[in-house]
Amino acid sequence: MIIKSAKFIISSPDVKDCPEADIPEYAFIGRSNVGKSSLINMLSERKSLAKISGAPGKTQLINHFQINKSWYLVDLPGYGFAKRSKEERKKWGEMIHKYLIKRTNLLCTFILIDSRHEPQKSDIEFIEWLGVNRLPFVIVFTKTDKLKKNQLQENINNYKDFLLENWEELPQIFITSAIKNLGKANILNFIEDTNKLLPNSNTNR
């Protein structure tokens, strides 16, 4: 997929405020400070489409970006640690769950995992919630440039083994680095192929 255009559309506090669900949509989510904004900017080929911040919990709304005038990339608030109150984090969680369940054109959720760390409770809980609700998702390992090749492979294998303790089959997995532009083609090709699954969508504009 060649990125011809990428623009911000709207930030919504609730799923009811999101754009009309008339084109394919992909949500990106992960623990705070996982490198989500950097990944989105890499995929869109725009240096500042998504705002990058060193402060965890910066994203607070459902942010829609229209790519190639044919699909939406959605930046969701992070989960896990953030310098926000418990009440605010609970509100974000309810907003995210409501969006993921009710958004009819959402074809897949990309769960971003920091490749440097062992399985985190918040990641596993979120993956299990998606599974219980039968919502399609893939896993994206980020910041892989921070590790040596052998250590990276060991971390990923450990993560797979951990998931297979409760899952019969693993979701598709992508290896990425925003610094090295790694994984971009694989993710965009996946989106291009998945776009064709939404009936009556015009993804060739």
N, C-alpha and C. Protein backbone atom coordinates (compact mmCIF):
# COMPACT_ATOMS: atom_id res chain seq x y z
N MET A 1 0.83 -1.19 0.00
CA MET A 1 0.00 0.00 0.00
C MET A 1 0.87 1.25 0.00
N ILE A 2 0.57 2.17 -0.88
CA ILE A 2 1.27 3.45 -0.94
C ILE A 2 0.41 4.50 -0.22
N ILE A 3 1.00 5.22 0.70
CA ILE A 3 0.26 6.25 1.44
C ILE A 3 0.27 7.55 0.62
N LYS A 4 -0.90 7.91 0.12
CA LYS A 4 -1.03 9.12 -0.69
C LYS A 4 -1.53 10.31 0.13
N SER A 5 -2.30 10.02 1.15
CA SER A 5 -2.81 11.11 2.00
C SER A 5 -3.09 10.59 3.40
N ALA A 6 -2.92 11.48 4.38
CA ALA A 6 -3.19 11.14 5.77
C ALA A 6 -3.55 12.43 6.49
N LYS A 7 -4.73 12.49 7.07
CA LYS A 7 -5.13 13.72 7.75
C LYS A 7 -5.97 13.43 8.98
N PHE A 8 -5.84 14.30 9.95
CA PHE A 8 -6.63 14.21 11.17
C PHE A 8 -8.07 14.59 10.86
N ILE A 9 -9.01 13.82 11.42
CA ILE A 9 -10.43 14.09 11.19
C ILE A 9 -11.11 14.65 12.43
N ILE A 10 -11.03 13.91 13.55
CA ILE A 10 -11.75 14.36 14.75
C ILE A 10 -11.25 13.61 15.99
N SER A 11 -11.35 14.27 17.14
CA SER A 11 -11.13 13.63 18.43
C SER A 11 -12.48 13.53 19.12
N SER A 12 -12.84 12.31 19.53
CA SER A 12 -14.18 12.08 20.09
C SER A 12 -14.12 11.56 21.52
N PRO A 13 -14.97 12.09 22.40
CA PRO A 13 -15.02 11.62 23.78
C PRO A 13 -15.87 10.36 23.95
N ASP A 14 -16.61 10.00 22.90
CA ASP A 14 -17.51 8.85 22.97
C ASP A 14 -17.69 8.28 21.57
N VAL A 15 -18.00 6.99 21.48
CA VAL A 15 -18.17 6.34 20.18
C VAL A 15 -19.29 7.00 19.36
N LYS A 16 -20.29 7.53 20.03
CA LYS A 16 -21.40 8.16 19.31
C LYS A 16 -20.96 9.43 18.58
N ASP A 17 -19.81 9.97 18.96
CA ASP A 17 -19.31 11.20 18.33
C ASP A 17 -18.32 10.91 17.19
N CYS A 18 -18.03 9.65 16.97
CA CYS A 18 -17.07 9.27 15.93
C CYS A 18 -17.67 9.50 14.54
N PRO A 19 -16.82 9.55 13.51
CA PRO A 19 -17.32 9.74 12.14
C PRO A 19 -18.25 8.60 11.73
N GLU A 20 -19.01 8.82 10.68
CA GLU A 20 -19.89 7.79 10.16
C GLU A 20 -19.08 6.53 9.86
N ALA A 21 -19.62 5.38 10.22
CA ALA A 21 -18.90 4.12 10.05
C ALA A 21 -19.06 3.57 8.65
N ASP A 22 -18.52 4.30 7.68
CA ASP A 22 -18.75 3.93 6.28
C ASP A 22 -17.51 3.42 5.55
N ILE A 23 -16.35 3.44 6.21
CA ILE A 23 -15.14 2.90 5.61
C ILE A 23 -14.40 2.06 6.66
N PRO A 24 -13.52 1.16 6.23
CA PRO A 24 -12.80 0.29 7.18
C PRO A 24 -12.04 1.09 8.23
N GLU A 25 -11.89 0.48 9.40
CA GLU A 25 -11.25 1.19 10.51
C GLU A 25 -10.35 0.24 11.29
N TYR A 26 -9.22 0.79 11.76
CA TYR A 26 -8.22 0.02 12.52
C TYR A 26 -7.82 0.82 13.75
N ALA A 27 -7.92 0.19 14.91
CA ALA A 27 -7.59 0.87 16.16
C ALA A 27 -6.20 0.46 16.63
N PHE A 28 -5.47 1.42 17.18
CA PHE A 28 -4.13 1.17 17.73
C PHE A 28 -4.15 1.53 19.21
N ILE A 29 -3.71 0.57 20.02
CA ILE A 29 -3.76 0.77 21.46
C ILE A 29 -2.61 0.02 22.14
N GLY A 30 -2.23 0.47 23.31
CA GLY A 30 -1.17 -0.20 24.05
C GLY A 30 -0.97 0.49 25.38
N ARG A 31 -0.07 -0.04 26.19
CA ARG A 31 0.24 0.58 27.46
C ARG A 31 0.83 1.96 27.22
N SER A 32 0.68 2.82 28.17
CA SER A 32 1.23 4.17 28.06
C SER A 32 2.72 4.12 27.75
N ASN A 33 3.14 4.97 26.82
CA ASN A 33 4.55 5.09 26.46
C ASN A 33 5.10 3.88 25.71
N VAL A 34 4.24 3.17 24.98
CA VAL A 34 4.67 1.99 24.23
C VAL A 34 5.24 2.34 22.87
N GLY A 35 5.10 3.62 22.47
CA GLY A 35 5.60 4.03 21.16
C GLY A 35 4.51 4.09 20.09
N LYS A 36 3.28 4.28 20.55
CA LYS A 36 2.13 4.28 19.63
C LYS A 36 2.17 5.43 18.63
N SER A 37 2.42 6.63 19.11
CA SER A 37 2.44 7.79 18.21
C SER A 37 3.55 7.66 17.17
N SER A 38 4.71 7.18 17.59
CA SER A 38 5.83 6.99 16.65
C SER A 38 5.47 5.97 15.58
N LEU A 39 4.78 4.90 15.98
CA LEU A 39 4.38 3.88 15.01
C LEU A 39 3.36 4.43 14.03
N ILE A 40 2.38 5.18 14.53
CA ILE A 40 1.36 5.77 13.66
C ILE A 40 2.00 6.72 12.66
N ASN A 41 2.94 7.53 13.12
CA ASN A 41 3.62 8.46 12.22
C ASN A 41 4.44 7.71 11.17
N MET A 42 5.04 6.59 11.55
CA MET A 42 5.80 5.78 10.60
C MET A 42 4.87 5.21 9.52
N LEU A 43 3.75 4.66 9.95
CA LEU A 43 2.82 4.05 9.01
C LEU A 43 2.22 5.06 8.04
N SER A 44 1.93 6.25 8.56
CA SER A 44 1.29 7.28 7.74
C SER A 44 2.28 8.11 6.93
N GLU A 45 3.56 7.91 7.21
CA GLU A 45 4.63 8.67 6.54
C GLU A 45 4.49 10.17 6.82
N ARG A 46 4.03 10.49 8.02
CA ARG A 46 3.91 11.87 8.45
C ARG A 46 4.64 12.01 9.79
N LYS A 47 5.51 13.00 9.89
CA LYS A 47 6.34 13.12 11.09
C LYS A 47 5.55 13.48 12.34
N SER A 48 4.43 14.17 12.18
CA SER A 48 3.70 14.62 13.37
C SER A 48 2.19 14.46 13.23
N LEU A 49 1.76 13.41 12.53
CA LEU A 49 0.32 13.16 12.42
C LEU A 49 -0.24 12.90 13.81
N ALA A 50 0.41 12.00 14.54
CA ALA A 50 0.05 11.75 15.94
C ALA A 50 1.07 12.46 16.81
N LYS A 51 0.62 13.16 17.81
CA LYS A 51 1.50 13.93 18.67
C LYS A 51 2.29 13.01 19.60
N ILE A 52 3.59 13.17 19.62
CA ILE A 52 4.46 12.37 20.47
C ILE A 52 4.74 13.12 21.76
N SER A 53 4.59 12.42 22.87
CA SER A 53 4.84 13.05 24.16
C SER A 53 5.63 12.10 25.06
N GLY A 54 6.51 12.66 25.87
CA GLY A 54 7.24 11.85 26.83
C GLY A 54 6.42 11.57 28.06
N ALA A 55 5.27 12.21 28.18
CA ALA A 55 4.40 12.02 29.34
C ALA A 55 3.36 10.95 29.06
N PRO A 56 3.39 9.81 29.77
CA PRO A 56 2.39 8.77 29.57
C PRO A 56 0.98 9.29 29.81
N GLY A 57 0.02 8.75 29.04
CA GLY A 57 -1.37 9.14 29.21
C GLY A 57 -1.76 10.39 28.46
N LYS A 58 -0.97 10.78 27.45
CA LYS A 58 -1.25 12.01 26.71
C LYS A 58 -2.54 11.90 25.90
N THR A 59 -2.73 10.75 25.21
CA THR A 59 -3.94 10.56 24.43
C THR A 59 -5.12 10.30 25.35
N GLN A 60 -6.16 11.11 25.22
CA GLN A 60 -7.31 10.99 26.12
C GLN A 60 -8.62 10.76 25.38
N LEU A 61 -8.60 10.92 24.06
CA LEU A 61 -9.82 10.81 23.27
C LEU A 61 -9.64 9.77 22.16
N ILE A 62 -10.72 9.48 21.45
CA ILE A 62 -10.68 8.58 20.30
C ILE A 62 -10.32 9.44 19.09
N ASN A 63 -9.10 9.29 18.59
CA ASN A 63 -8.60 10.15 17.50
C ASN A 63 -8.66 9.43 16.16
N HIS A 64 -9.41 10.02 15.23
CA HIS A 64 -9.55 9.44 13.90
C HIS A 64 -8.66 10.14 12.88
N PHE A 65 -7.92 9.34 12.12
CA PHE A 65 -7.12 9.85 11.01
C PHE A 65 -7.57 9.12 9.74
N GLN A 66 -7.82 9.87 8.70
CA GLN A 66 -8.25 9.25 7.44
C GLN A 66 -7.04 9.04 6.53
N ILE A 67 -6.84 7.79 6.10
CA ILE A 67 -5.71 7.43 5.27
C ILE A 67 -6.18 7.13 3.85
N ASN A 68 -5.54 7.76 2.88
CA ASN A 68 -5.86 7.55 1.46
C ASN A 68 -7.34 7.75 1.15
N LYS A 69 -8.01 8.53 1.98
CA LYS A 69 -9.44 8.81 1.80
C LYS A 69 -10.28 7.53 1.75
N SER A 70 -9.73 6.44 2.29
CA SER A 70 -10.44 5.16 2.15
C SER A 70 -10.51 4.33 3.43
N TRP A 71 -9.73 4.66 4.47
CA TRP A 71 -9.84 3.93 5.74
C TRP A 71 -9.38 4.82 6.88
N TYR A 72 -9.85 4.45 8.08
CA TYR A 72 -9.49 5.21 9.28
C TYR A 72 -8.44 4.48 10.11
N LEU A 73 -7.48 5.23 10.56
CA LEU A 73 -6.54 4.78 11.57
C LEU A 73 -6.95 5.48 12.86
N VAL A 74 -7.18 4.71 13.92
CA VAL A 74 -7.71 5.29 15.15
C VAL A 74 -6.70 5.14 16.30
N ASP A 75 -6.37 6.25 16.88
CA ASP A 75 -5.43 6.31 18.00
C ASP A 75 -6.25 6.35 19.29
N LEU A 76 -6.15 5.27 20.09
CA LEU A 76 -6.92 5.17 21.34
C LEU A 76 -6.04 5.50 22.55
N PRO A 77 -6.64 5.94 23.64
CA PRO A 77 -5.88 6.20 24.87
C PRO A 77 -5.16 4.95 25.33
N GLY A 78 -3.98 5.11 25.91
CA GLY A 78 -3.23 3.98 26.42
C GLY A 78 -3.83 3.46 27.72
N TYR A 79 -3.45 2.25 28.08
CA TYR A 79 -3.88 1.68 29.35
C TYR A 79 -2.65 1.41 30.20
N GLY A 80 -2.86 1.00 31.43
CA GLY A 80 -1.73 0.78 32.32
C GLY A 80 -1.35 2.08 33.02
N PHE A 81 -0.06 2.23 33.33
CA PHE A 81 0.40 3.39 34.09
C PHE A 81 0.21 4.69 33.31
N ALA A 82 -0.33 5.68 33.99
CA ALA A 82 -0.43 7.04 33.44
C ALA A 82 -0.60 7.98 34.63
N LYS A 83 -0.06 9.16 34.51
CA LYS A 83 -0.15 10.12 35.60
C LYS A 83 -1.51 10.81 35.59
N ARG A 84 -2.54 9.97 35.76
CA ARG A 84 -3.92 10.45 35.81
C ARG A 84 -4.60 9.79 37.00
N SER A 85 -5.72 10.35 37.39
CA SER A 85 -6.44 9.80 38.54
C SER A 85 -7.07 8.45 38.18
N LYS A 86 -7.38 7.67 39.22
CA LYS A 86 -8.03 6.39 39.02
C LYS A 86 -9.37 6.56 38.33
N GLU A 87 -10.07 7.64 38.67
CA GLU A 87 -11.37 7.92 38.07
C GLU A 87 -11.24 8.19 36.58
N GLU A 88 -10.21 8.96 36.20
CA GLU A 88 -9.99 9.25 34.78
C GLU A 88 -9.66 7.98 34.00
N ARG A 89 -8.79 7.13 34.57
CA ARG A 89 -8.41 5.90 33.89
C ARG A 89 -9.61 4.97 33.73
N LYS A 90 -10.49 4.94 34.73
CA LYS A 90 -11.70 4.13 34.64
C LYS A 90 -12.60 4.65 33.52
N LYS A 91 -12.70 5.97 33.42
CA LYS A 91 -13.52 6.58 32.37
C LYS A 91 -12.97 6.24 30.99
N TRP A 92 -11.62 6.29 30.85
CA TRP A 92 -11.01 5.94 29.57
C TRP A 92 -11.29 4.48 29.22
N GLY A 93 -11.18 3.61 30.24
CA GLY A 93 -11.42 2.18 30.01
C GLY A 93 -12.82 1.91 29.51
N GLU A 94 -13.79 2.56 30.12
CA GLU A 94 -15.19 2.38 29.70
C GLU A 94 -15.39 2.91 28.28
N MET A 95 -14.75 4.05 27.97
CA MET A 95 -14.86 4.64 26.63
C MET A 95 -14.27 3.70 25.59
N ILE A 96 -13.10 3.13 25.89
CA ILE A 96 -12.42 2.23 24.95
C ILE A 96 -13.23 0.97 24.72
N HIS A 97 -13.72 0.36 25.79
CA HIS A 97 -14.50 -0.87 25.66
C HIS A 97 -15.77 -0.62 24.84
N LYS A 98 -16.44 0.47 25.11
CA LYS A 98 -17.67 0.81 24.39
C LYS A 98 -17.37 1.01 22.91
N TYR A 99 -16.28 1.69 22.61
CA TYR A 99 -15.88 1.93 21.21
C TYR A 99 -15.60 0.60 20.51
N LEU A 100 -14.79 -0.25 21.13
CA LEU A 100 -14.38 -1.50 20.50
C LEU A 100 -15.56 -2.44 20.24
N ILE A 101 -16.55 -2.42 21.11
CA ILE A 101 -17.70 -3.29 20.95
C ILE A 101 -18.72 -2.75 19.95
N LYS A 102 -18.92 -1.44 19.95
CA LYS A 102 -20.01 -0.86 19.16
C LYS A 102 -19.61 -0.36 17.77
N ARG A 103 -18.33 -0.16 17.53
CA ARG A 103 -17.90 0.41 16.24
C ARG A 103 -17.99 -0.67 15.16
N THR A 104 -19.01 -0.58 14.31
CA THR A 104 -19.33 -1.66 13.37
C THR A 104 -18.33 -1.81 12.23
N ASN A 105 -17.60 -0.76 11.91
CA ASN A 105 -16.63 -0.83 10.78
C ASN A 105 -15.21 -1.12 11.26
N LEU A 106 -15.05 -1.39 12.55
CA LEU A 106 -13.73 -1.70 13.09
C LEU A 106 -13.36 -3.13 12.69
N LEU A 107 -12.35 -3.26 11.83
CA LEU A 107 -11.98 -4.57 11.33
C LEU A 107 -10.92 -5.26 12.18
N CYS A 108 -10.08 -4.49 12.85
CA CYS A 108 -9.03 -5.12 13.65
C CYS A 108 -8.44 -4.11 14.63
N THR A 109 -8.03 -4.62 15.78
CA THR A 109 -7.34 -3.79 16.78
C THR A 109 -5.88 -4.23 16.85
N PHE A 110 -4.98 -3.27 16.76
CA PHE A 110 -3.55 -3.52 16.86
C PHE A 110 -3.12 -3.27 18.31
N ILE A 111 -2.72 -4.33 19.00
CA ILE A 111 -2.27 -4.20 20.38
C ILE A 111 -0.75 -4.05 20.37
N LEU A 112 -0.27 -2.91 20.84
CA LEU A 112 1.16 -2.63 20.83
C LEU A 112 1.79 -3.11 22.13
N ILE A 113 2.87 -3.87 22.00
CA ILE A 113 3.59 -4.44 23.13
C ILE A 113 5.05 -3.99 23.06
N ASP A 114 5.58 -3.47 24.14
CA ASP A 114 6.99 -3.09 24.20
C ASP A 114 7.83 -4.36 24.25
N SER A 115 8.63 -4.58 23.22
CA SER A 115 9.39 -5.83 23.08
C SER A 115 10.45 -6.02 24.16
N ARG A 116 10.76 -4.97 24.91
CA ARG A 116 11.83 -5.05 25.91
C ARG A 116 11.39 -5.68 27.22
N HIS A 117 10.06 -5.81 27.41
CA HIS A 117 9.56 -6.23 28.71
C HIS A 117 8.91 -7.61 28.69
N GLU A 118 8.87 -8.23 29.83
CA GLU A 118 8.14 -9.49 29.98
C GLU A 118 6.65 -9.20 29.95
N PRO A 119 5.80 -10.22 29.78
CA PRO A 119 4.36 -9.99 29.71
C PRO A 119 3.85 -9.17 30.89
N GLN A 120 3.11 -8.13 30.58
CA GLN A 120 2.57 -7.24 31.60
C GLN A 120 1.10 -7.57 31.87
N LYS A 121 0.70 -7.44 33.12
CA LYS A 121 -0.67 -7.78 33.52
C LYS A 121 -1.71 -7.02 32.71
N SER A 122 -1.49 -5.73 32.50
CA SER A 122 -2.49 -4.93 31.78
C SER A 122 -2.62 -5.37 30.32
N ASP A 123 -1.50 -5.77 29.70
CA ASP A 123 -1.56 -6.27 28.32
C ASP A 123 -2.35 -7.57 28.26
N ILE A 124 -2.02 -8.49 29.15
CA ILE A 124 -2.68 -9.80 29.15
C ILE A 124 -4.17 -9.67 29.43
N GLU A 125 -4.53 -8.81 30.36
CA GLU A 125 -5.96 -8.61 30.69
C GLU A 125 -6.71 -8.05 29.50
N PHE A 126 -6.07 -7.13 28.77
CA PHE A 126 -6.73 -6.54 27.62
C PHE A 126 -6.88 -7.56 26.49
N ILE A 127 -5.84 -8.36 26.27
CA ILE A 127 -5.91 -9.40 25.24
C ILE A 127 -7.02 -10.40 25.58
N GLU A 128 -7.11 -10.77 26.85
CA GLU A 128 -8.15 -11.72 27.27
C GLU A 128 -9.54 -11.11 27.09
N TRP A 129 -9.67 -9.82 27.37
CA TRP A 129 -10.98 -9.15 27.20
C TRP A 129 -11.40 -9.18 25.74
N LEU A 130 -10.46 -8.92 24.83
CA LEU A 130 -10.78 -8.96 23.40
C LEU A 130 -11.20 -10.37 23.00
N GLY A 131 -10.51 -11.37 23.55
CA GLY A 131 -10.84 -12.75 23.23
C GLY A 131 -12.24 -13.13 23.71
N VAL A 132 -12.56 -12.76 24.94
CA VAL A 132 -13.88 -13.07 25.50
C VAL A 132 -14.98 -12.42 24.66
N ASN A 133 -14.71 -11.22 24.16
CA ASN A 133 -15.71 -10.50 23.37
C ASN A 133 -15.62 -10.79 21.87
N ARG A 134 -14.73 -11.73 21.53
CA ARG A 134 -14.57 -12.19 20.14
C ARG A 134 -14.31 -11.04 19.18
N LEU A 135 -13.41 -10.16 19.59
CA LEU A 135 -13.03 -9.03 18.76
C LEU A 135 -11.67 -9.32 18.11
N PRO A 136 -11.56 -9.17 16.80
CA PRO A 136 -10.31 -9.48 16.10
C PRO A 136 -9.18 -8.52 16.48
N PHE A 137 -7.99 -9.10 16.66
CA PHE A 137 -6.84 -8.27 17.01
C PHE A 137 -5.55 -8.93 16.53
N VAL A 138 -4.51 -8.13 16.43
CA VAL A 138 -3.16 -8.62 16.15
C VAL A 138 -2.24 -7.99 17.19
N ILE A 139 -1.04 -8.54 17.32
CA ILE A 139 -0.06 -8.02 18.27
C ILE A 139 1.10 -7.37 17.51
N VAL A 140 1.50 -6.19 17.97
CA VAL A 140 2.61 -5.47 17.36
C VAL A 140 3.69 -5.23 18.41
N PHE A 141 4.84 -5.85 18.23
CA PHE A 141 5.96 -5.60 19.13
C PHE A 141 6.69 -4.33 18.68
N THR A 142 6.84 -3.39 19.60
CA THR A 142 7.47 -2.11 19.28
C THR A 142 8.88 -2.01 19.88
N LYS A 143 9.60 -0.99 19.44
CA LYS A 143 10.93 -0.65 19.97
C LYS A 143 11.91 -1.81 19.86
N THR A 144 11.80 -2.59 18.80
CA THR A 144 12.68 -3.75 18.65
C THR A 144 14.13 -3.35 18.35
N ASP A 145 14.35 -2.11 17.96
CA ASP A 145 15.72 -1.65 17.70
C ASP A 145 16.51 -1.49 19.00
N LYS A 146 15.81 -1.52 20.12
CA LYS A 146 16.47 -1.35 21.42
C LYS A 146 17.13 -2.63 21.92
N LEU A 147 16.87 -3.75 21.24
CA LEU A 147 17.38 -5.04 21.68
C LEU A 147 18.28 -5.69 20.63
N LYS A 148 19.20 -6.51 21.10
CA LYS A 148 19.99 -7.31 20.18
C LYS A 148 19.08 -8.40 19.62
N LYS A 149 19.42 -8.91 18.44
CA LYS A 149 18.57 -9.86 17.74
C LYS A 149 18.22 -11.08 18.59
N ASN A 150 19.21 -11.66 19.26
CA ASN A 150 18.97 -12.86 20.07
C ASN A 150 18.05 -12.57 21.25
N GLN A 151 18.25 -11.41 21.89
CA GLN A 151 17.41 -11.04 23.02
C GLN A 151 15.98 -10.76 22.59
N LEU A 152 15.85 -10.13 21.43
CA LEU A 152 14.52 -9.85 20.89
C LEU A 152 13.76 -11.15 20.64
N GLN A 153 14.41 -12.09 19.98
CA GLN A 153 13.76 -13.35 19.67
C GLN A 153 13.39 -14.11 20.93
N GLU A 154 14.26 -14.05 21.93
CA GLU A 154 13.98 -14.73 23.20
C GLU A 154 12.76 -14.09 23.88
N ASN A 155 12.70 -12.76 23.89
CA ASN A 155 11.56 -12.08 24.51
C ASN A 155 10.25 -12.41 23.82
N ILE A 156 10.28 -12.43 22.49
CA ILE A 156 9.07 -12.72 21.73
C ILE A 156 8.63 -14.17 21.94
N ASN A 157 9.59 -15.08 21.94
CA ASN A 157 9.27 -16.49 22.18
C ASN A 157 8.67 -16.68 23.57
N ASN A 158 9.23 -15.98 24.56
CA ASN A 158 8.69 -16.07 25.92
C ASN A 158 7.26 -15.57 25.97
N TYR A 159 6.98 -14.52 25.22
CA TYR A 159 5.63 -13.94 25.19
C TYR A 159 4.66 -14.93 24.54
N LYS A 160 5.10 -15.54 23.45
CA LYS A 160 4.26 -16.53 22.76
C LYS A 160 3.96 -17.70 23.69
N ASP A 161 4.99 -18.19 24.37
CA ASP A 161 4.81 -19.32 25.28
C ASP A 161 3.83 -18.97 26.40
N PHE A 162 3.93 -17.75 26.89
CA PHE A 162 3.04 -17.30 27.96
C PHE A 162 1.59 -17.29 27.47
N LEU A 163 1.36 -16.76 26.27
CA LEU A 163 0.00 -16.69 25.73
C LEU A 163 -0.57 -18.08 25.45
N LEU A 164 0.29 -18.98 24.99
CA LEU A 164 -0.17 -20.32 24.63
C LEU A 164 -0.59 -21.14 25.84
N GLU A 165 -0.32 -20.64 27.03
CA GLU A 165 -0.79 -21.32 28.23
C GLU A 165 -2.31 -21.26 28.34
N ASN A 166 -2.90 -20.22 27.72
CA ASN A 166 -4.36 -20.05 27.79
C ASN A 166 -5.03 -19.95 26.42
N TRP A 167 -4.22 -19.81 25.36
CA TRP A 167 -4.78 -19.68 24.02
C TRP A 167 -4.37 -20.88 23.17
N GLU A 168 -5.33 -21.41 22.40
CA GLU A 168 -5.02 -22.53 21.52
C GLU A 168 -4.25 -22.07 20.29
N GLU A 169 -4.49 -20.85 19.89
CA GLU A 169 -3.86 -20.32 18.68
C GLU A 169 -3.48 -18.86 18.90
N LEU A 170 -2.34 -18.47 18.39
CA LEU A 170 -1.88 -17.09 18.56
C LEU A 170 -2.39 -16.20 17.44
N PRO A 171 -2.61 -14.92 17.73
CA PRO A 171 -2.99 -13.97 16.67
C PRO A 171 -1.77 -13.68 15.81
N GLN A 172 -1.99 -12.99 14.72
CA GLN A 172 -0.86 -12.59 13.87
C GLN A 172 0.02 -11.62 14.65
N ILE A 173 1.32 -11.72 14.44
CA ILE A 173 2.28 -10.89 15.17
C ILE A 173 3.15 -10.10 14.20
N PHE A 174 3.36 -8.82 14.50
CA PHE A 174 4.21 -7.95 13.70
C PHE A 174 5.39 -7.46 14.54
N ILE A 175 6.55 -7.41 13.93
CA ILE A 175 7.76 -6.91 14.58
C ILE A 175 8.06 -5.53 14.00
N THR A 176 8.15 -4.50 14.84
CA THR A 176 8.30 -3.15 14.32
C THR A 176 9.38 -2.34 15.04
N SER A 177 9.83 -1.33 14.33
CA SER A 177 10.72 -0.30 14.89
C SER A 177 10.46 0.98 14.13
N ALA A 178 9.95 1.97 14.83
CA ALA A 178 9.68 3.26 14.18
C ALA A 178 10.99 3.93 13.76
N ILE A 179 12.05 3.66 14.50
CA ILE A 179 13.35 4.25 14.19
C ILE A 179 13.91 3.69 12.87
N LYS A 180 13.76 2.38 12.68
CA LYS A 180 14.33 1.72 11.50
C LYS A 180 13.30 1.47 10.39
N ASN A 181 12.07 1.97 10.61
CA ASN A 181 11.01 1.79 9.61
C ASN A 181 10.66 0.31 9.41
N LEU A 182 10.90 -0.48 10.43
CA LEU A 182 10.68 -1.92 10.34
C LEU A 182 9.22 -2.29 10.59
N GLY A 183 8.68 -3.15 9.75
CA GLY A 183 7.33 -3.65 9.92
C GLY A 183 6.26 -2.85 9.20
N LYS A 184 6.63 -1.73 8.66
CA LYS A 184 5.67 -0.85 8.00
C LYS A 184 4.96 -1.54 6.84
N ALA A 185 5.73 -2.12 5.94
CA ALA A 185 5.15 -2.76 4.75
C ALA A 185 4.22 -3.91 5.14
N ASN A 186 4.64 -4.71 6.13
CA ASN A 186 3.83 -5.85 6.55
C ASN A 186 2.49 -5.42 7.12
N ILE A 187 2.49 -4.37 7.94
CA ILE A 187 1.25 -3.89 8.53
C ILE A 187 0.33 -3.28 7.47
N LEU A 188 0.90 -2.46 6.60
CA LEU A 188 0.08 -1.83 5.56
C LEU A 188 -0.48 -2.86 4.58
N ASN A 189 0.29 -3.89 4.28
CA ASN A 189 -0.21 -4.96 3.41
C ASN A 189 -1.34 -5.71 4.09
N PHE A 190 -1.21 -5.94 5.39
CA PHE A 190 -2.27 -6.60 6.15
C PHE A 190 -3.55 -5.77 6.11
N ILE A 191 -3.42 -4.46 6.31
CA ILE A 191 -4.58 -3.57 6.27
C ILE A 191 -5.20 -3.57 4.87
N GLU A 192 -4.38 -3.51 3.86
CA GLU A 192 -4.88 -3.51 2.48
C GLU A 192 -5.69 -4.77 2.19
N ASP A 193 -5.20 -5.91 2.63
CA ASP A 193 -5.90 -7.17 2.40
C ASP A 193 -7.18 -7.24 3.23
N THR A 194 -7.12 -6.75 4.46
CA THR A 194 -8.28 -6.82 5.35
C THR A 194 -9.38 -5.85 4.91
N ASN A 195 -9.00 -4.73 4.31
CA ASN A 195 -9.98 -3.75 3.84
C ASN A 195 -11.02 -4.38 2.93
N LYS A 196 -10.62 -5.38 2.18
CA LYS A 196 -11.50 -6.00 1.20
C LYS A 196 -12.61 -6.81 1.85
N LEU A 197 -12.50 -7.03 3.17
CA LEU A 197 -13.49 -7.85 3.87
C LEU A 197 -14.75 -7.08 4.25
N LEU A 198 -14.67 -5.73 4.22
CA LEU A 198 -15.84 -4.93 4.61
C LEU A 198 -16.73 -4.73 3.39
N PRO A 199 -17.96 -5.24 3.42
CA PRO A 199 -18.88 -5.12 2.30
C PRO A 199 -19.18 -3.66 1.95
N ASN A 200 -19.29 -3.41 0.67
CA ASN A 200 -19.68 -2.09 0.14
C ASN A 200 -18.71 -0.98 0.46
N SER A 201 -17.46 -1.32 0.82
CA SER A 201 -16.49 -0.27 1.11
C SER A 201 -15.72 0.06 -0.15
N ASN A 202 -15.43 1.35 -0.32
CA ASN A 202 -14.66 1.79 -1.46
C ASN A 202 -13.25 2.07 -0.98
N THR A 203 -12.37 1.10 -1.11
CA THR A 203 -11.00 1.24 -0.60
C THR A 203 -9.99 1.48 -1.70
N ASN A 204 -10.46 1.74 -2.88
CA ASN A 204 -9.54 1.94 -4.02
C ASN A 204 -9.51 3.38 -4.51
N ARG A 205 -10.09 4.28 -3.70
CA ARG A 205 -10.12 5.67 -4.13
C ARG A 205 -8.74 6.30 -4.05
